[in-house]
Amino acid sequence: MQIVVDGHVEFLINGIWQGGGSGTVQLPRGAAHSVRIPSGTARIIQVSIGPPYDRFATDMARLFAEGAPLGEIVKAANAHGVELG
């Protein structure tokens, strides 16, 4: 689930861009998705639950705490099937 706190955010969900302001967007389980802010700024909270995401979040938290370079973060994300771009 994505929670848009403020600003305008667009979500690409299974190949279709959907836009919206404050509120929530429910992502279908396993859906390929991306997020973009077409102009200005926005604040988003992402809520993810489940074993695949738990391992990804644990690795990301460790890498950020260690001050890992971006290349290492991208490599770790890719290992979990997450493409950062």
Protein backbone atom coordinates (compact mmCIF):
# COMPACT_ATOMS: atom_id res chain seq x y z
CA MET A 1 0.00 0.00 0.00
CA GLN A 2 1.21 3.49 -0.82
CA ILE A 3 0.00 6.43 1.25
CA VAL A 4 0.33 9.83 -0.41
CA VAL A 5 0.69 12.31 2.46
CA ASP A 6 0.89 15.38 0.25
CA GLY A 7 1.65 16.37 -3.33
CA HIS A 8 0.71 14.68 -6.60
CA VAL A 9 2.11 11.22 -7.29
CA GLU A 10 1.69 8.90 -10.25
CA PHE A 11 1.91 5.12 -9.94
CA LEU A 12 2.72 2.70 -12.76
CA ILE A 13 0.88 -0.50 -11.89
CA ASN A 14 1.16 -3.38 -14.37
CA GLY A 15 1.93 -0.98 -17.21
CA ILE A 16 -0.78 1.64 -16.52
CA TRP A 17 -0.01 5.06 -14.99
CA GLN A 18 -2.52 6.18 -12.36
CA GLY A 19 -2.32 9.59 -10.71
CA GLY A 20 -3.60 10.97 -7.49
CA GLY A 21 -3.23 13.31 -4.59
CA SER A 22 -3.53 12.59 -0.89
CA GLY A 23 -4.90 9.16 -0.05
CA THR A 24 -3.97 5.53 -0.50
CA VAL A 25 -3.16 3.32 -3.46
CA GLN A 26 -3.44 -0.44 -3.01
CA LEU A 27 -0.91 -2.38 -5.05
CA PRO A 28 -1.97 -5.88 -6.12
CA ARG A 29 0.27 -8.60 -4.69
CA GLY A 30 3.28 -9.14 -6.95
CA ALA A 31 2.36 -6.25 -9.26
CA ALA A 32 5.20 -4.62 -11.15
CA HIS A 33 5.10 -0.98 -10.11
CA SER A 34 6.94 2.32 -10.17
CA VAL A 35 6.36 5.75 -8.66
CA ARG A 36 6.97 9.21 -10.10
CA ILE A 37 6.34 12.77 -8.98
CA PRO A 38 5.51 14.72 -12.15
CA SER A 39 6.32 18.13 -10.65
CA GLY A 40 7.14 19.73 -7.35
CA THR A 41 7.53 17.55 -4.29
CA ALA A 42 5.49 14.90 -2.55
CA ARG A 43 5.64 12.77 0.58
CA ILE A 44 4.81 9.07 0.34
CA ILE A 45 4.70 6.31 2.93
CA GLN A 46 5.02 2.76 1.64
CA VAL A 47 3.65 -0.10 3.72
CA SER A 48 4.86 -3.57 2.69
CA ILE A 49 4.28 -6.79 4.58
CA GLY A 50 5.48 -10.31 3.94
CA PRO A 51 8.53 -12.54 3.84
CA PRO A 52 9.96 -11.43 0.47
CA TYR A 53 9.85 -7.78 1.47
CA ASP A 54 11.12 -8.43 5.00
CA ARG A 55 14.50 -9.70 3.73
CA PHE A 56 14.80 -6.80 1.28
CA ALA A 57 14.00 -4.24 4.01
CA THR A 58 16.50 -5.81 6.41
CA ASP A 59 19.26 -5.67 3.81
CA MET A 60 18.43 -2.08 2.83
CA ALA A 61 18.40 -0.93 6.46
CA ARG A 62 21.81 -2.51 7.06
CA LEU A 63 23.32 -1.00 3.90
CA PHE A 64 22.00 2.49 4.66
CA ALA A 65 23.25 2.27 8.26
CA GLU A 66 26.69 1.29 6.95
CA GLY A 67 26.68 4.20 4.49
CA ALA A 68 27.03 1.81 1.56
CA PRO A 69 27.60 3.36 -1.87
CA LEU A 70 24.67 3.53 -4.29
CA GLY A 71 26.10 0.78 -6.50
CA GLU A 72 26.09 -1.67 -3.60
CA ILE A 73 22.50 -0.72 -2.70
CA VAL A 74 21.35 -1.24 -6.29
CA LYS A 75 23.14 -4.60 -6.46
CA ALA A 76 21.46 -5.77 -3.24
CA ALA A 77 18.05 -4.57 -4.46
CA ASN A 78 18.52 -6.46 -7.73
CA ALA A 79 19.34 -9.61 -5.76
CA HIS A 80 15.86 -9.34 -4.25
CA GLY A 81 14.23 -8.78 -7.64
CA VAL A 82 13.82 -5.03 -7.07
CA GLU A 83 14.90 -2.73 -9.90
CA LEU A 84 15.80 0.78 -8.81
CA GLY A 85 15.71 3.36 -11.53
